[in-house]
C-alpha atoms as a PDB file:
ATOM      1  CA  GLN A   1     -35.558 183.029-215.224  1.00  0.00           C
ATOM      2  CA  VAL A   2     -33.048 180.684-213.671  1.00  0.00           C
ATOM      3  CA  GLN A   3     -33.692 178.530-210.643  1.00  0.00           C
ATOM      4  CA  LEU A   4     -30.804 177.281-208.515  1.00  0.00           C
ATOM      5  CA  VAL A   5     -31.035 174.406-206.077  1.00  0.00           C
ATOM      6  CA  GLU A   6     -28.149 173.670-203.740  1.00  0.00           C
ATOM      7  CA  SER A   7     -27.435 170.427-201.958  1.00  0.00           C
ATOM      8  CA  GLY A   8     -24.653 168.809-199.984  1.00  0.00           C
ATOM      9  CA  GLY A   9     -24.439 170.937-196.883  1.00  0.00           C
ATOM     10  CA  GLY A  10     -24.403 169.525-193.401  1.00  0.00           C
ATOM     11  CA  LEU A  11     -22.452 169.018-190.218  1.00  0.00           C
ATOM     12  CA  VAL A  12     -18.846 167.890-190.388  1.00  0.00           C
ATOM     13  CA  GLN A  13     -15.936 167.763-187.984  1.00  0.00           C
ATOM     14  CA  ALA A  14     -12.942 170.002-188.419  1.00  0.00           C
ATOM     15  CA  GLY A  15     -10.576 168.531-190.979  1.00  0.00           C
ATOM     16  CA  GLY A  16     -13.372 166.847-192.855  1.00  0.00           C
ATOM     17  CA  SER A  17     -14.715 167.413-196.348  1.00  0.00           C
ATOM     18  CA  LEU A  18     -17.986 168.281-198.003  1.00  0.00           C
ATOM     19  CA  ARG A  19     -19.059 168.652-201.592  1.00  0.00           C
ATOM     20  CA  LEU A  20     -21.743 171.134-202.467  1.00  0.00           C
ATOM     21  CA  SER A  21     -23.755 170.931-205.663  1.00  0.00           C
ATOM     22  CA  CYS A  22     -25.916 173.523-207.353  1.00  0.00           C
ATOM     23  CA  ALA A  23     -28.184 172.589-210.219  1.00  0.00           C
ATOM     24  CA  ALA A  24     -29.577 175.279-212.484  1.00  0.00           C
ATOM     25  CA  SER A  25     -32.850 175.007-214.347  1.00  0.00           C
ATOM     26  CA  GLY A  26     -34.996 177.302-216.425  1.00  0.00           C
ATOM     27  CA  SER A  27     -33.339 179.641-218.918  1.00  0.00           C
ATOM     28  CA  THR A  28     -29.958 177.973-218.684  1.00  0.00           C
ATOM     29  CA  LEU A  29     -28.723 178.729-222.183  1.00  0.00           C
ATOM     30  CA  ARG A  30     -27.611 182.204-221.194  1.00  0.00           C
ATOM     31  CA  ILE A  31     -25.852 181.309-217.954  1.00  0.00           C
ATOM     32  CA  GLY A  32     -22.398 182.778-217.719  1.00  0.00           C
ATOM     33  CA  ARG A  33     -20.413 182.846-214.526  1.00  0.00           C
ATOM     34  CA  MET A  34     -21.473 180.625-211.647  1.00  0.00           C
ATOM     35  CA  GLY A  35     -20.141 180.752-208.153  1.00  0.00           C
ATOM     36  CA  TRP A  36     -20.442 180.172-204.462  1.00  0.00           C
ATOM     37  CA  TYR A  37     -20.762 182.761-201.759  1.00  0.00           C
ATOM     38  CA  ARG A  38     -21.092 182.321-198.029  1.00  0.00           C
ATOM     39  CA  GLN A  39     -22.499 184.272-195.145  1.00  0.00           C
ATOM     40  CA  ALA A  40     -21.648 183.615-191.541  1.00  0.00           C
ATOM     41  CA  PRO A  41     -23.801 184.984-188.696  1.00  0.00           C
ATOM     42  CA  GLY A  42     -23.224 188.686-188.247  1.00  0.00           C
ATOM     43  CA  LYS A  43     -21.014 188.941-191.310  1.00  0.00           C
ATOM     44  CA  GLN A  44     -21.457 190.100-194.864  1.00  0.00           C
ATOM     45  CA  ARG A  45     -21.865 187.674-197.714  1.00  0.00           C
ATOM     46  CA  GLU A  46     -18.507 186.974-199.320  1.00  0.00           C
ATOM     47  CA  LEU A  47     -17.278 185.335-202.478  1.00  0.00           C
ATOM     48  CA  VAL A  48     -15.909 181.837-202.031  1.00  0.00           C
ATOM     49  CA  ALA A  49     -15.184 180.877-205.629  1.00  0.00           C
ATOM     50  CA  ALA A  50     -16.481 181.446-209.135  1.00  0.00           C
ATOM     51  CA  ILE A  51     -16.117 179.786-212.508  1.00  0.00           C
ATOM     52  CA  THR A  52     -16.908 180.966-216.010  1.00  0.00           C
ATOM     53  CA  SER A  53     -18.594 178.856-218.671  1.00  0.00           C
ATOM     54  CA  GLY A  54     -15.134 178.391-220.170  1.00  0.00           C
ATOM     55  CA  GLY A  55     -13.719 177.042-216.920  1.00  0.00           C
ATOM     56  CA  SER A  56     -11.732 180.012-215.643  1.00  0.00           C
ATOM     57  CA  THR A  57     -11.819 180.154-211.873  1.00  0.00           C
ATOM     58  CA  ASN A  58     -11.158 182.600-209.097  1.00  0.00           C
ATOM     59  CA  TYR A  59     -11.099 182.041-205.371  1.00  0.00           C
ATOM     60  CA  ALA A  60     -11.069 184.008-202.179  1.00  0.00           C
ATOM     61  CA  ASP A  61      -7.389 184.221-201.296  1.00  0.00           C
ATOM     62  CA  SER A  62      -7.927 182.672-197.880  1.00  0.00           C
ATOM     63  CA  LEU A  63      -9.523 179.565-199.366  1.00  0.00           C
ATOM     64  CA  LYS A  64      -7.093 178.716-202.130  1.00  0.00           C
ATOM     65  CA  GLY A  65      -5.780 175.210-201.779  1.00  0.00           C
ATOM     66  CA  ARG A  66      -8.649 173.930-199.654  1.00  0.00           C
ATOM     67  CA  PHE A  67     -11.677 174.602-201.860  1.00  0.00           C
ATOM     68  CA  THR A  68     -12.120 173.642-205.489  1.00  0.00           C
ATOM     69  CA  ILE A  69     -14.893 174.822-207.776  1.00  0.00           C
ATOM     70  CA  SER A  70     -15.874 172.885-210.873  1.00  0.00           C
ATOM     71  CA  ARG A  71     -18.662 172.915-213.358  1.00  0.00           C
ATOM     72  CA  ASP A  72     -20.519 170.526-215.650  1.00  0.00           C
ATOM     73  CA  ASN A  73     -22.045 172.649-218.392  1.00  0.00           C
ATOM     74  CA  ALA A  74     -23.978 169.707-219.825  1.00  0.00           C
ATOM     75  CA  LYS A  75     -25.738 169.272-216.487  1.00  0.00           C
ATOM     76  CA  ASN A  76     -25.891 173.001-215.689  1.00  0.00           C
ATOM     77  CA  THR A  77     -24.373 172.167-212.347  1.00  0.00           C
ATOM     78  CA  VAL A  78     -21.598 173.758-210.339  1.00  0.00           C
ATOM     79  CA  TYR A  79     -19.758 172.032-207.516  1.00  0.00           C
ATOM     80  CA  LEU A  80     -17.697 173.132-204.567  1.00  0.00           C
ATOM     81  CA  GLN A  81     -15.329 170.603-203.040  1.00  0.00           C
ATOM     82  CA  MET A  82     -14.345 171.718-199.576  1.00  0.00           C
ATOM     83  CA  ASN A  83     -11.453 169.995-197.839  1.00  0.00           C
ATOM     84  CA  SER A  84      -9.688 170.501-194.523  1.00  0.00           C
ATOM     85  CA  LEU A  85     -12.714 172.308-193.206  1.00  0.00           C
ATOM     86  CA  LYS A  86     -12.345 174.632-190.255  1.00  0.00           C
ATOM     87  CA  PRO A  87     -14.905 175.918-187.755  1.00  0.00           C
ATOM     88  CA  GLU A  88     -14.571 179.355-189.342  1.00  0.00           C
ATOM     89  CA  ASP A  89     -15.941 177.882-192.571  1.00  0.00           C
ATOM     90  CA  THR A  90     -19.302 177.552-190.854  1.00  0.00           C
ATOM     91  CA  ALA A  91     -21.814 179.578-192.842  1.00  0.00           C
ATOM     92  CA  VAL A  92     -24.755 179.425-195.192  1.00  0.00           C
ATOM     93  CA  TYR A  93     -23.394 178.778-198.650  1.00  0.00           C
ATOM     94  CA  TYR A  94     -25.244 180.308-201.579  1.00  0.00           C
ATOM     95  CA  CYS A  95     -25.036 179.404-205.223  1.00  0.00           C
ATOM     96  CA  ASN A  96     -24.954 182.263-207.690  1.00  0.00           C
ATOM     97  CA  ALA A  97     -25.428 182.367-211.441  1.00  0.00           C
ATOM     98  CA  GLN A  98     -25.231 185.268-213.830  1.00  0.00           C
ATOM     99  CA  ALA A  99     -27.531 184.889-216.790  1.00  0.00           C
ATOM    100  CA  GLY A 100     -29.290 186.747-219.513  1.00  0.00           C
ATOM    101  CA  LEU A 101     -28.307 189.624-221.733  1.00  0.00           C
ATOM    102  CA  TYR A 102     -27.360 191.815-218.775  1.00  0.00           C
ATOM    103  CA  MET A 103     -25.927 189.045-216.613  1.00  0.00           C
ATOM    104  CA  TYR A 104     -28.584 189.285-213.940  1.00  0.00           C
ATOM    105  CA  ASN A 105     -27.643 187.654-210.630  1.00  0.00           C
ATOM    106  CA  TYR A 106     -29.666 184.661-209.546  1.00  0.00           C
ATOM    107  CA  TRP A 107     -29.346 183.078-206.112  1.00  0.00           C
ATOM    108  CA  GLY A 108     -30.126 179.742-204.589  1.00  0.00           C
ATOM    109  CA  GLN A 109     -31.846 179.374-201.245  1.00  0.00           C
ATOM    110  CA  GLY A 110     -28.626 178.537-199.447  1.00  0.00           C
ATOM    111  CA  THR A 111     -27.325 175.445-197.725  1.00  0.00           C
ATOM    112  CA  GLN A 112     -25.969 175.350-194.195  1.00  0.00           C
ATOM    113  CA  VAL A 113     -22.440 174.133-193.591  1.00  0.00           C
ATOM    114  CA  THR A 114     -21.458 173.646-189.971  1.00  0.00           C
ATOM    115  CA  VAL A 115     -17.944 172.619-188.978  1.00  0.00           C
ATOM    116  CA  SER A 116     -17.513 171.446-185.413  1.00  0.00           C
ATOM    117  CA  SER A 117     -14.225 171.702-183.553  1.00  0.00           C
END
């Protein structure tokens, strides 16, 4: 079992920045890819960014250049630096980790990000 706890969400004005953190605990030895997803009201959950244990990253095309994902394997923590935030970035952001022999998906409880215009 892996537990994920997100932090760092909040209310920010358009153009501002936020940094999300997600700390993993439990059976962390087998964690592979970690990532961030988001879900806005009335929309499906979508991938924001992901990073492998080796540091390879991928991003949603629309977010490249504004968001940066990073990871501290020693702390079992993944970060999402969000710059130049826009109102359309408003959503609940969820941390995801794939772990175990079959890369089961674990999810955090989500953190709200609200960008005001």
